[in-house]
Protein backbone atom coordinates (compact mmCIF):
# COMPACT_ATOMS: atom_id res chain seq x y z
CA MET A 1 -46.31 2.20 -67.81
CA ASN A 2 -45.02 0.03 -71.16
CA SER A 3 -41.75 1.67 -70.84
CA ILE A 4 -41.25 1.00 -67.12
CA ARG A 5 -42.68 -2.69 -67.27
CA HIS A 6 -39.84 -3.50 -69.96
CA GLY A 7 -37.18 -1.61 -68.50
CA ALA A 8 -37.78 -4.17 -65.19
CA GLU A 9 -38.20 -6.78 -67.42
CA ARG A 10 -34.86 -6.19 -68.92
CA HIS A 11 -33.23 -4.99 -65.48
CA PHE A 12 -33.34 -8.29 -63.48
CA GLY A 13 -34.04 -10.52 -66.78
CA LEU A 14 -37.19 -11.66 -65.91
CA LYS A 15 -37.99 -13.88 -69.29
CA THR A 16 -34.79 -15.77 -68.63
CA LEU A 17 -36.09 -16.53 -64.86
CA GLY A 18 -38.97 -17.17 -66.06
CA THR A 19 -41.24 -14.75 -64.11
CA SER A 20 -43.14 -11.61 -64.39
CA VAL A 21 -44.01 -8.49 -63.56
CA ARG A 22 -47.28 -9.25 -63.07
CA THR A 23 -46.18 -12.25 -60.46
CA GLU A 24 -42.90 -10.38 -58.71
CA VAL A 25 -45.05 -7.34 -57.48
CA ALA A 26 -47.19 -9.86 -55.86
CA ALA A 27 -44.40 -11.85 -54.52
CA GLY A 28 -42.77 -8.95 -53.50
CA ALA A 29 -46.28 -7.69 -51.23
CA THR A 30 -46.83 -11.42 -50.44
CA THR A 31 -42.57 -11.41 -48.93
CA PHE A 32 -44.19 -8.09 -47.47
CA LEU A 33 -47.15 -9.59 -45.77
CA SER A 34 -44.91 -12.33 -44.11
CA MET A 35 -42.63 -10.14 -42.61
CA SER A 36 -44.73 -6.95 -41.48
CA TYR A 37 -44.69 -8.17 -37.97
CA ILE A 38 -41.28 -6.99 -37.59
CA ILE A 39 -42.54 -3.21 -37.45
CA ALA A 40 -45.13 -3.98 -34.43
CA VAL A 41 -42.32 -6.52 -32.98
CA ASN A 42 -38.96 -4.71 -33.56
CA PRO A 43 -39.82 -1.20 -31.33
CA ALA A 44 -41.92 -3.75 -29.04
CA ILE A 45 -38.37 -5.47 -28.32
CA LEU A 46 -36.46 -1.97 -28.60
CA SER A 47 -38.30 -0.07 -26.55
CA ASP A 48 -37.01 -2.52 -23.35
CA ALA A 49 -33.82 -1.58 -24.12
CA GLY A 50 -34.64 2.61 -24.08
CA ILE A 51 -34.83 3.51 -27.48
CA PRO A 52 -38.13 5.19 -28.40
CA ALA A 53 -41.00 2.74 -29.74
CA ALA A 54 -41.92 5.67 -32.16
CA ALA A 55 -38.14 6.18 -33.82
CA ALA A 56 -37.98 2.06 -33.51
CA ALA A 57 -40.61 1.43 -35.64
CA PHE A 58 -39.69 4.63 -37.81
CA ALA A 59 -36.09 3.34 -38.59
CA THR A 60 -37.40 -0.35 -38.71
CA CYS A 61 -39.32 0.87 -41.93
CA LEU A 62 -36.52 2.93 -43.71
CA VAL A 63 -33.63 0.20 -43.18
CA SER A 64 -36.12 -2.27 -43.91
CA GLY A 65 -37.09 -0.56 -47.17
CA LEU A 66 -33.86 0.98 -48.40
CA GLY A 67 -31.80 -1.89 -47.73
CA SER A 68 -34.67 -4.73 -49.94
CA VAL A 69 -34.57 -2.38 -52.68
CA ALA A 70 -30.84 -2.24 -52.89
CA MET A 71 -30.76 -5.86 -52.57
CA GLY A 72 -32.95 -6.02 -55.63
CA LEU A 73 -31.25 -3.35 -57.57
CA TRP A 74 -28.00 -3.91 -56.77
CA ALA A 75 -27.28 -7.69 -55.85
CA LYS A 76 -30.57 -8.77 -58.11
CA ALA A 77 -31.65 -11.32 -55.45
CA PRO A 78 -35.67 -11.99 -54.56
CA ILE A 79 -34.18 -11.42 -51.10
CA ALA A 80 -35.76 -8.49 -48.00
CA VAL A 81 -33.83 -7.38 -45.75
CA ALA A 82 -34.64 -6.03 -41.91
CA PRO A 83 -34.07 -5.82 -38.15
CA GLY A 84 -33.76 -9.59 -37.43
CA MET A 85 -35.57 -11.37 -34.70
CA GLY A 86 -33.17 -12.91 -32.42
CA LEU A 87 -30.27 -9.93 -32.86
CA ASN A 88 -32.54 -7.42 -31.58
CA ALA A 89 -33.30 -9.56 -28.32
CA PHE A 90 -29.26 -10.10 -28.26
CA PHE A 91 -29.36 -6.24 -28.16
CA THR A 92 -32.09 -6.15 -25.67
CA TYR A 93 -31.22 -8.55 -23.24
CA THR A 94 -27.93 -9.58 -23.88
CA VAL A 95 -25.76 -6.06 -24.69
CA VAL A 96 -27.98 -3.01 -22.51
CA LEU A 97 -29.71 -4.81 -20.02
CA GLY A 98 -27.04 -7.91 -19.70
CA ALA A 99 -23.66 -5.98 -20.21
CA GLY A 100 -25.23 -2.20 -18.45
CA LEU A 101 -24.87 -0.78 -21.72
CA SER A 102 -26.59 2.21 -22.71
CA TRP A 103 -28.75 1.61 -25.70
CA GLN A 104 -26.85 4.05 -27.50
CA GLN A 105 -23.18 2.54 -26.45
CA GLY A 106 -25.27 -0.64 -27.96
CA LEU A 107 -25.75 0.94 -31.88
CA GLY A 108 -22.48 1.72 -31.79
CA MET A 109 -21.81 -1.58 -31.28
CA VAL A 110 -24.06 -2.58 -33.98
CA PHE A 111 -22.02 0.08 -36.32
CA VAL A 112 -19.08 -1.07 -35.92
CA SER A 113 -20.49 -5.06 -36.69
CA GLY A 114 -21.66 -3.83 -39.75
CA LEU A 115 -18.14 -2.08 -40.55
CA LEU A 116 -16.90 -5.36 -40.09
CA PHE A 117 -18.98 -7.67 -42.37
CA VAL A 118 -18.48 -5.34 -44.67
CA VAL A 119 -14.69 -5.43 -44.49
CA LEU A 120 -14.80 -9.67 -44.11
CA THR A 121 -16.51 -9.76 -47.80
CA LEU A 122 -15.15 -7.52 -49.63
CA THR A 123 -11.20 -9.11 -48.75
CA GLY A 124 -13.64 -12.40 -49.59
CA MET A 125 -13.55 -14.00 -46.35
CA ARG A 126 -17.39 -14.05 -46.03
CA GLN A 127 -17.22 -15.68 -49.23
CA ALA A 128 -14.79 -18.31 -48.27
CA ILE A 129 -17.04 -18.68 -45.32
CA LEU A 130 -19.25 -19.84 -47.72
CA GLU A 131 -17.42 -22.13 -50.13
CA ALA A 132 -16.53 -24.04 -47.06
CA LEU A 133 -20.01 -25.25 -46.00
CA PRO A 134 -19.87 -28.81 -46.57
CA LYS A 135 -21.57 -29.11 -49.79
CA GLU A 136 -24.07 -32.13 -48.17
CA LEU A 137 -24.95 -29.51 -45.82
CA ARG A 138 -26.21 -27.25 -48.02
CA PRO A 139 -29.60 -28.99 -48.35
CA ALA A 140 -30.25 -29.67 -44.72
CA ILE A 141 -29.53 -25.59 -44.36
CA GLY A 142 -32.71 -25.49 -46.48
CA ALA A 143 -34.85 -28.04 -44.68
CA GLY A 144 -33.58 -26.84 -41.26
CA ILE A 145 -35.09 -23.26 -42.31
CA GLY A 146 -38.02 -25.18 -42.98
CA MET A 147 -38.82 -26.35 -40.12
CA PHE A 148 -37.40 -23.36 -38.45
CA LEU A 149 -40.72 -21.69 -40.15
CA VAL A 150 -43.10 -24.37 -38.84
CA MET A 151 -42.47 -24.17 -35.42
CA ILE A 152 -42.74 -19.79 -35.49
CA GLY A 153 -45.67 -20.55 -37.08
CA LEU A 154 -47.12 -23.13 -34.91
CA ARG A 155 -45.81 -21.25 -31.71
CA ASN A 156 -47.39 -18.15 -33.28
CA GLY A 157 -50.35 -19.72 -33.98
CA GLY A 158 -51.59 -21.15 -30.69
CA ILE A 159 -51.04 -24.46 -31.88
CA ILE A 160 -48.03 -26.20 -29.57
CA ASP A 161 -47.18 -23.65 -26.64
CA ALA A 162 -44.16 -24.06 -24.05
CA ASN A 163 -44.06 -26.75 -21.13
CA GLU A 164 -41.37 -26.93 -18.42
CA ALA A 165 -41.69 -30.99 -18.34
CA THR A 166 -41.88 -31.47 -22.33
CA LEU A 167 -40.75 -28.11 -23.58
CA VAL A 168 -43.61 -28.10 -25.83
CA THR A 169 -46.95 -29.04 -25.76
CA LEU A 170 -50.27 -28.68 -27.62
CA GLY A 171 -51.91 -25.12 -27.33
CA GLU A 172 -55.48 -24.53 -27.01
CA LEU A 173 -56.55 -25.57 -30.46
CA GLY A 174 -60.76 -23.75 -29.90
CA SER A 175 -58.92 -20.46 -29.47
CA PRO A 176 -60.12 -18.09 -31.87
CA THR A 177 -55.83 -17.88 -32.90
CA ALA A 178 -55.37 -21.37 -33.84
CA LEU A 179 -59.13 -21.85 -35.63
CA VAL A 180 -57.63 -18.62 -37.86
CA THR A 181 -53.75 -20.24 -38.18
CA ILE A 182 -55.44 -23.34 -38.95
CA GLY A 183 -57.98 -22.11 -41.47
CA THR A 184 -55.09 -19.75 -42.69
CA ALA A 185 -52.66 -22.66 -44.08
CA LEU A 186 -55.90 -25.36 -45.14
CA LEU A 187 -56.70 -22.33 -47.84
CA ILE A 188 -53.31 -21.49 -48.89
CA ALA A 189 -52.56 -25.61 -49.26
CA THR A 190 -55.71 -25.50 -51.68
CA LEU A 191 -54.73 -22.18 -53.66
CA LEU A 192 -51.68 -23.45 -54.03
CA SER A 193 -51.87 -27.40 -54.88
CA ARG A 194 -54.61 -25.62 -57.53
CA GLY A 195 -51.72 -24.03 -59.00
CA VAL A 196 -52.88 -20.48 -57.87
CA ARG A 197 -49.19 -18.67 -57.59
CA SER A 198 -50.61 -16.24 -55.23
CA GLY A 199 -52.38 -18.59 -53.14
CA LEU A 200 -50.14 -17.04 -49.93
CA LEU A 201 -50.85 -13.15 -50.61
CA LEU A 202 -54.67 -14.53 -50.93
CA GLY A 203 -54.67 -16.52 -48.13
CA ILE A 204 -53.35 -13.89 -45.37
CA VAL A 205 -55.74 -11.41 -47.37
CA ALA A 206 -58.58 -13.29 -46.66
CA ALA A 207 -57.32 -14.65 -43.01
CA THR A 208 -56.78 -10.41 -42.52
CA LEU A 209 -60.08 -9.30 -43.29
CA ILE A 210 -61.87 -12.47 -41.37
CA SER A 211 -59.68 -11.43 -38.35
CA ILE A 212 -60.89 -8.06 -38.39
CA PRO A 213 -64.31 -8.36 -36.94
CA ILE A 214 -63.68 -10.86 -34.66
CA GLY A 215 -60.73 -8.49 -32.80
CA LEU A 216 -57.29 -10.35 -33.99
CA ALA A 217 -56.35 -7.51 -36.26
CA GLY A 218 -53.94 -5.23 -34.51
CA GLY A 219 -54.54 -1.79 -33.35
CA PRO A 220 -52.74 0.76 -32.73
CA ALA A 221 -49.23 1.22 -30.80
CA PRO A 222 -49.08 3.76 -28.47
CA GLN A 223 -46.65 6.77 -29.50
CA GLN A 224 -43.49 7.07 -27.69
CA GLY A 225 -41.04 9.57 -28.72
CA GLY A 226 -40.32 11.28 -31.59
CA MET A 227 -40.00 9.33 -34.68
CA LEU A 228 -36.26 10.58 -35.44
CA ASP A 229 -35.38 10.93 -31.42
CA ALA A 230 -32.97 7.00 -32.06
CA ALA A 231 -31.49 8.24 -35.48
CA PHE A 232 -27.42 9.28 -35.32
CA GLN A 233 -27.58 8.70 -31.56
CA LEU A 234 -25.03 5.78 -31.19
CA ASP A 235 -21.99 5.87 -28.77
CA VAL A 236 -18.80 3.40 -30.14
CA GLY A 237 -16.32 4.19 -26.84
CA PRO A 238 -17.38 0.92 -25.39
CA ILE A 239 -15.93 -0.53 -28.46
CA LEU A 240 -13.06 1.62 -28.86
CA SER A 241 -11.77 0.86 -25.45
CA LEU A 242 -12.21 -3.01 -26.33
CA SER A 243 -14.30 -3.89 -23.15
CA VAL A 244 -17.08 -5.47 -24.92
CA ILE A 245 -14.88 -7.40 -27.41
CA ASP A 246 -16.70 -10.88 -26.32
CA LEU A 247 -20.43 -9.27 -26.95
CA LEU A 248 -18.65 -7.85 -30.53
CA LEU A 249 -17.60 -11.04 -31.59
CA ALA A 250 -20.88 -12.74 -30.67
CA MET A 251 -22.69 -10.05 -32.59
CA VAL A 252 -20.80 -11.01 -35.72
CA PHE A 253 -20.87 -14.37 -35.24
CA VAL A 254 -24.65 -14.77 -35.10
CA ASP A 255 -25.19 -12.27 -38.20
CA LEU A 256 -22.81 -13.70 -39.95
CA PHE A 257 -23.96 -17.55 -39.87
CA ASP A 258 -27.55 -16.28 -40.19
CA SER A 259 -27.48 -14.21 -43.05
CA LEU A 260 -25.35 -17.22 -44.25
CA GLY A 261 -27.88 -19.97 -44.30
CA THR A 262 -30.76 -17.32 -44.90
CA MET A 263 -29.60 -16.44 -48.42
CA VAL A 264 -28.36 -19.84 -49.06
CA GLY A 265 -31.75 -20.94 -48.09
CA VAL A 266 -33.99 -18.68 -49.89
CA ILE A 267 -31.93 -18.74 -52.98
CA SER A 268 -31.78 -22.39 -52.95
CA LYS A 269 -35.73 -22.81 -52.97
CA ALA A 270 -35.02 -20.42 -56.36
CA ARG A 271 -33.72 -23.02 -57.24
CA LEU A 272 -31.02 -20.23 -58.81
CA SER A 273 -27.86 -21.78 -57.13
CA ASP A 274 -25.81 -22.69 -59.82
CA GLU A 275 -24.88 -26.19 -61.25
CA GLY A 276 -22.01 -26.51 -57.68
CA GLY A 277 -24.66 -25.23 -55.37
CA ARG A 278 -22.96 -21.29 -55.44
CA VAL A 279 -25.12 -18.40 -54.98
CA PRO A 280 -24.50 -16.02 -57.80
CA ARG A 281 -23.92 -12.29 -56.84
CA LEU A 282 -23.40 -13.09 -53.44
CA GLY A 283 -20.78 -10.86 -52.95
CA ARG A 284 -23.14 -8.18 -53.26
CA MET A 285 -25.82 -9.58 -51.23
CA LEU A 286 -23.12 -9.20 -48.33
CA VAL A 287 -21.99 -5.79 -49.03
CA VAL A 288 -25.89 -5.06 -48.95
CA ASP A 289 -26.32 -6.67 -45.64
CA GLY A 290 -23.36 -5.34 -43.58
CA ALA A 291 -23.84 -1.79 -45.61
CA ALA A 292 -27.83 -2.02 -44.20
CA THR A 293 -26.43 -2.84 -40.68
CA ILE A 294 -24.45 0.35 -40.25
CA SER A 295 -27.79 2.12 -42.12
CA GLY A 296 -29.79 0.32 -39.50
CA ALA A 297 -27.24 1.43 -36.21
CA LEU A 298 -27.17 5.39 -37.94
CA ALA A 299 -31.31 5.10 -37.94
CA GLY A 300 -31.09 3.69 -34.22
CA THR A 301 -32.48 0.52 -34.81
CA SER A 302 -30.63 -3.50 -34.36
CA THR A 303 -28.53 -5.39 -36.45
CA VAL A 304 -30.56 -5.59 -40.02
CA THR A 305 -30.13 -8.73 -41.76
CA ALA A 306 -31.28 -11.17 -44.76
CA TYR A 307 -35.44 -12.30 -43.59
CA ILE A 308 -36.17 -16.04 -44.31
CA GLU A 309 -39.80 -14.87 -44.88
CA SER A 310 -38.50 -14.29 -48.01
CA ALA A 311 -39.39 -17.78 -49.03
CA ALA A 312 -42.40 -16.55 -48.66
CA GLY A 313 -42.21 -14.24 -51.89
CA VAL A 314 -40.00 -16.72 -53.53
CA GLU A 315 -42.73 -19.44 -53.14
CA ALA A 316 -45.64 -17.46 -54.76
CA GLY A 317 -43.20 -16.92 -57.27
CA GLY A 318 -40.59 -14.31 -56.77
CA ARG A 319 -37.50 -15.34 -58.57
CA SER A 320 -36.12 -11.44 -59.85
CA GLY A 321 -34.76 -8.26 -57.57
CA LEU A 322 -37.80 -6.82 -58.20
CA THR A 323 -39.87 -9.27 -55.78
CA ALA A 324 -37.15 -7.44 -52.63
CA VAL A 325 -37.50 -4.11 -54.93
CA VAL A 326 -41.46 -4.44 -54.50
CA THR A 327 -41.14 -5.50 -50.49
CA GLY A 328 -38.70 -2.62 -49.74
CA VAL A 329 -40.75 0.18 -51.09
CA LEU A 330 -44.24 -1.13 -48.94
CA PHE A 331 -41.93 -0.81 -46.13
CA LEU A 332 -40.91 2.94 -47.17
CA LEU A 333 -44.76 3.65 -47.69
CA ALA A 334 -45.66 1.79 -44.59
CA LEU A 335 -43.26 5.47 -43.15
CA PRO A 336 -46.21 7.48 -42.20
CA LEU A 337 -47.97 4.39 -40.23
CA SER A 338 -44.99 3.19 -38.65
CA ALA A 339 -46.23 3.49 -35.22
CA ALA A 340 -49.09 2.29 -35.80
CA ALA A 341 -48.81 -2.01 -35.45
CA VAL A 342 -49.29 -3.82 -38.72
CA VAL A 343 -52.89 -4.89 -39.34
CA VAL A 344 -52.44 -8.38 -40.17
CA PRO A 345 -52.84 -10.87 -37.45
CA THR A 346 -50.34 -13.00 -36.09
CA ALA A 347 -52.43 -15.90 -36.99
CA ALA A 348 -52.57 -14.99 -40.46
CA VAL A 349 -48.95 -15.11 -41.14
CA ALA A 350 -48.45 -17.96 -38.91
CA GLY A 351 -50.65 -20.17 -41.13
CA ALA A 352 -48.77 -18.85 -44.04
CA LEU A 353 -45.32 -19.78 -42.36
CA VAL A 354 -46.83 -23.39 -41.81
CA VAL A 355 -47.06 -24.32 -45.50
CA ILE A 356 -44.42 -22.08 -46.38
CA GLY A 357 -41.96 -24.66 -43.97
CA ALA A 358 -44.11 -28.05 -45.32
CA THR A 359 -42.64 -26.75 -49.56
CA THR A 360 -39.06 -26.37 -47.76
CA VAL A 361 -38.53 -29.23 -45.86
CA GLY A 362 -38.06 -31.49 -49.01
CA PHE A 363 -34.65 -30.25 -49.43
CA VAL A 364 -33.86 -33.69 -47.30
CA ARG A 365 -34.18 -35.35 -50.28
CA SER A 366 -30.79 -34.14 -52.09
CA ILE A 367 -29.26 -35.51 -48.76
CA ASP A 368 -27.61 -39.06 -48.31
CA TRP A 369 -28.60 -40.55 -45.75
CA ASP A 370 -26.68 -43.72 -45.97
CA ASP A 371 -24.01 -41.95 -45.08
CA VAL A 372 -23.67 -41.50 -41.23
CA ASP A 373 -20.61 -38.95 -42.08
CA THR A 374 -23.46 -36.26 -43.71
CA ALA A 375 -27.08 -37.95 -41.82
CA LEU A 376 -25.80 -36.76 -38.53
CA PRO A 377 -24.63 -33.50 -39.23
CA ALA A 378 -27.51 -33.55 -41.56
CA LEU A 379 -29.49 -34.08 -38.87
CA LEU A 380 -27.99 -31.60 -36.07
CA VAL A 381 -28.32 -28.74 -38.85
CA ILE A 382 -32.11 -29.40 -39.39
CA ALA A 383 -33.20 -30.27 -35.59
CA GLY A 384 -31.19 -27.58 -34.03
CA MET A 385 -32.16 -24.71 -36.30
CA PRO A 386 -35.87 -25.37 -34.90
CA LEU A 387 -34.90 -26.61 -31.56
CA THR A 388 -31.97 -23.89 -30.59
CA PHE A 389 -34.80 -21.66 -32.19
CA SER A 390 -31.58 -19.52 -34.59
CA ILE A 391 -30.35 -20.20 -37.95
CA ALA A 392 -27.22 -19.52 -36.62
CA ASP A 393 -26.90 -22.17 -33.94
CA GLY A 394 -28.49 -25.09 -35.86
CA LEU A 395 -25.87 -24.19 -38.73
CA SER A 396 -22.77 -24.57 -36.14
CA MET A 397 -24.07 -27.70 -34.23
CA GLY A 398 -24.08 -29.48 -38.49
CA LEU A 399 -20.51 -27.83 -39.46
CA ILE A 400 -18.69 -28.71 -35.43
CA ALA A 401 -20.22 -32.78 -35.84
CA TYR A 402 -19.07 -32.50 -39.89
CA SER A 403 -15.74 -31.71 -38.96
CA ALA A 404 -15.90 -33.60 -35.49
CA LEU A 405 -16.48 -37.23 -37.88
CA LYS A 406 -14.02 -36.63 -40.48
CA ILE A 407 -11.15 -36.13 -38.12
CA LEU A 408 -11.77 -38.62 -36.15
CA ARG A 409 -12.55 -41.35 -38.91
CA GLY A 410 -8.84 -40.04 -40.30
CA ARG A 411 -10.75 -38.61 -43.62
CA ALA A 412 -9.62 -34.84 -42.83
CA GLY A 413 -7.98 -34.41 -45.53
CA GLN A 414 -10.93 -35.40 -47.94
CA VAL A 415 -12.65 -31.44 -46.81
CA PRO A 416 -11.53 -28.21 -47.52
CA TRP A 417 -9.08 -27.21 -44.47
CA THR A 418 -11.47 -24.30 -43.83
CA VAL A 419 -14.21 -26.65 -42.82
CA HIS A 420 -12.30 -27.48 -39.68
CA VAL A 421 -11.07 -24.10 -39.18
CA LEU A 422 -14.59 -22.35 -38.68
CA ALA A 423 -15.62 -25.41 -36.89
CA VAL A 424 -13.13 -24.66 -34.50
CA VAL A 425 -13.60 -21.14 -34.47
CA ILE A 426 -17.17 -21.95 -34.07
CA LEU A 427 -16.51 -23.89 -30.66
CA ALA A 428 -14.24 -21.30 -29.60
CA ARG A 429 -16.66 -18.73 -29.75
CA TYR A 430 -19.33 -21.01 -27.85
CA VAL A 431 -16.89 -21.58 -25.02
CA PHE A 432 -15.07 -18.07 -24.45
CA PHE A 433 -18.02 -16.01 -25.79
CA ALA A 434 -21.46 -17.66 -25.03
């Protein structure tokens, strides 16, 4: 055991990062618990497209596990990957049910989009796109992700609800789900304020134990199909005929900004960026992201991307790739039980997300609010992510506004030309391929 621990310390540079094996293991477990809902939610969404639920659950665990381990070992980043929320809905309700494609053809589209991600990365284009992100807006990405997490937590915890007149309204605070969510958030906040670095993990575990006797914990999911029924079933025919090029481009753009936005936000929260705000080993992270998407299509699931819940592990003290490795191993250990719903209740995760979001929003301190050229685009990023329920859309709104303001004020030459090109491409995507 000592040799394994010393080997991990050397490979991941734990002492240099000011962390330890014990902290990284706790952080990895925290990330897993925070995003384990995907084991149940992803099959539920993909089954609407026709993919057998058991096969989708198996593919979710397999790809999340292998992708997260690769992210940790090779890219050495505390970022876990899994089939993306929003991207799975796009796959089911737009690509399959909306465009009339079969789920096999939809997986073919995911496969091709993954190849494009890798090509863009190896040619340096994805890195160039990130470098084009204005430094003034980078703190807004972290803050926007924080607000997005708060929105998810409050909604999933029953504290806010939909309302036709006001978009959102107060939920039923007396419901068991809302009470557990509030209690979990208060417990986690108390533990963290007392310096308990595993406060998130302990809070989620405590909420789960409380939820079991009152009936909030998850139960077994219905068995639908075999675990390998979706493996290697993809069909790239429609993509080769270019009949769905608009859907393919939309898929590429959404994942592009989801992954970039999440990586920048999580790495910034972990304070692993360099003095220029650049993300170390970004190229490797992006290659893993694209390769995981390719693997996901082969296994039978929708687009795989970096997960904003990785911020939970960072908040628990995770600073190295060992955090992602632990998360990945836990996903792989869940394979035999992949067809069962997770035991961790939604309320427990919801409370944790609210606290994580609260700590992440602090990036707004770095924004120059006195400069309108920065303030308006930054606000659109921060507000756009939770209000559109999309990291990609919030980031896109800010970039378009930033470029437009610079041009209108005669300051277009003060920023790299790639910023304006990127803004035009994004705008064209919304106009022609929305």
